[in-house]
Amino acid sequence: MSTPIGPGPTPSPTEIPADELAAASSVPESQGRLIWRRFIGNKVAVASIIILLVIILFSFSAIGIGPISGWWKFGFKELNPQVNGGDPTLSLVPQFLGGDGVSLGEHPFGQDRIGKDYFAMTMRGIQNSALVMVVLGLIATVLGVVVGAVAGYYRGMVDAVLMRITDVFIVIPALVIGSVVGQWFGSLGAPVLAIMLGFFSWMGIARLVRGEFLSLREREFVEAARVAGASDARIIFKHILPNAMGVVIVSATLIMASAILLETALSFLGYGIRSPDVSLGLLISSNQSAFQTRPWLFWWPGAFIVSLALLVNFVGDGLRDAFDPRHRRFKLSKMRETRPEPELEREP
């Protein structure tokens, strides 16, 4: 007859391995925390969003907005005497390397042909590009989510009608719609132009959201909500939409990147923001005759157009990777493969 084995003495915390303590104290991560950790782990996306915010905040703090003045001494409408022949006074070469030292000078980005400070004009162009990007992106996202959610949830005749309307708008080139809208509303300023362009930029995200709703509406949690007596609006906005936010957020960032390029193209063609206001596309358009003699009039707005579009795209790529459920399954499978199996002590 075998003698029963007691539980034995309880080991002190110092005798328990650190990895076992961490495993015992760990709690499952929420979906939001997991997405945030993945996004923070993407160094390119994090650096891009930091640089993007720095550029936008710098432009608003430099020349201010409306009645609020900035720290820069020149306005984007002021006429000034030509300094250094209108060439940029920015110096980035230190004196110990044979340069003039690091300094901004009187007009770091130079001046245009009538003496306006090009730094102030470029900052104003960034302000308008950022304003169009955010306003157009928000309006297009809201409209696209509503249309796609209603079409995907109700299906049938509602889906057919909404998708045929979407098809009518989506076959018209964006530049054609933008030119018509810009011709009518471009003179009213960047906010009005962005709002009106937003009403014609929702089609792509509507199709994506519709596809997500067609898939999610058949899930068990939606059926449970219906059985519980939840209304259609509650099911759409409280149960299905939160599970489709990954597609919504990623699509919104891509729309914002496209908005920068669309505004630039319209202003370059003369259908966007009009003088005396300034946009990056308008700066390139109004100074194209001086490309050979004063090329810096193209360098600065062109560099910021490319930078803003690339930074927004990098942020969108980081969000897409963070929300990708396949990435989560891959990580979990790797964790299962590398996690050591616990060894059970057997009685000899």
Foldseek 3Di string as FASTA:
>chain_A
DDDDDDPDDDDDPVVDDPVVVCVVPDDDDDLVVLLVVLLVVPVLLVVLVVVLVVLLVCLCQQQHDDPDGHDHPFAQLDADDADPNQQAPADDDDVVVPTPHGDRPDQRLGAPPRHGRVVNQLSLQSNLLQLLLVLLLVLLLVVLLVLLLVLQQVPDPSVVVSVVVLVVLVVDDLLVVLLVLLQVCQAVGSNSSSNVSSVSRNSVSNNVSSVQSNVVCPDPVNVVCVVVPDDPVCCSPPPRVVLCVLSSVLVSLLSSLVSSVSQLVCLLVPSHHDPPRHHLNVQCNVCVVCCPPHVSSNVSSVVVNVSNSVSSNSNSVSSNCSSDVVNVVVVVVVCVVPPDDDDDDDDD
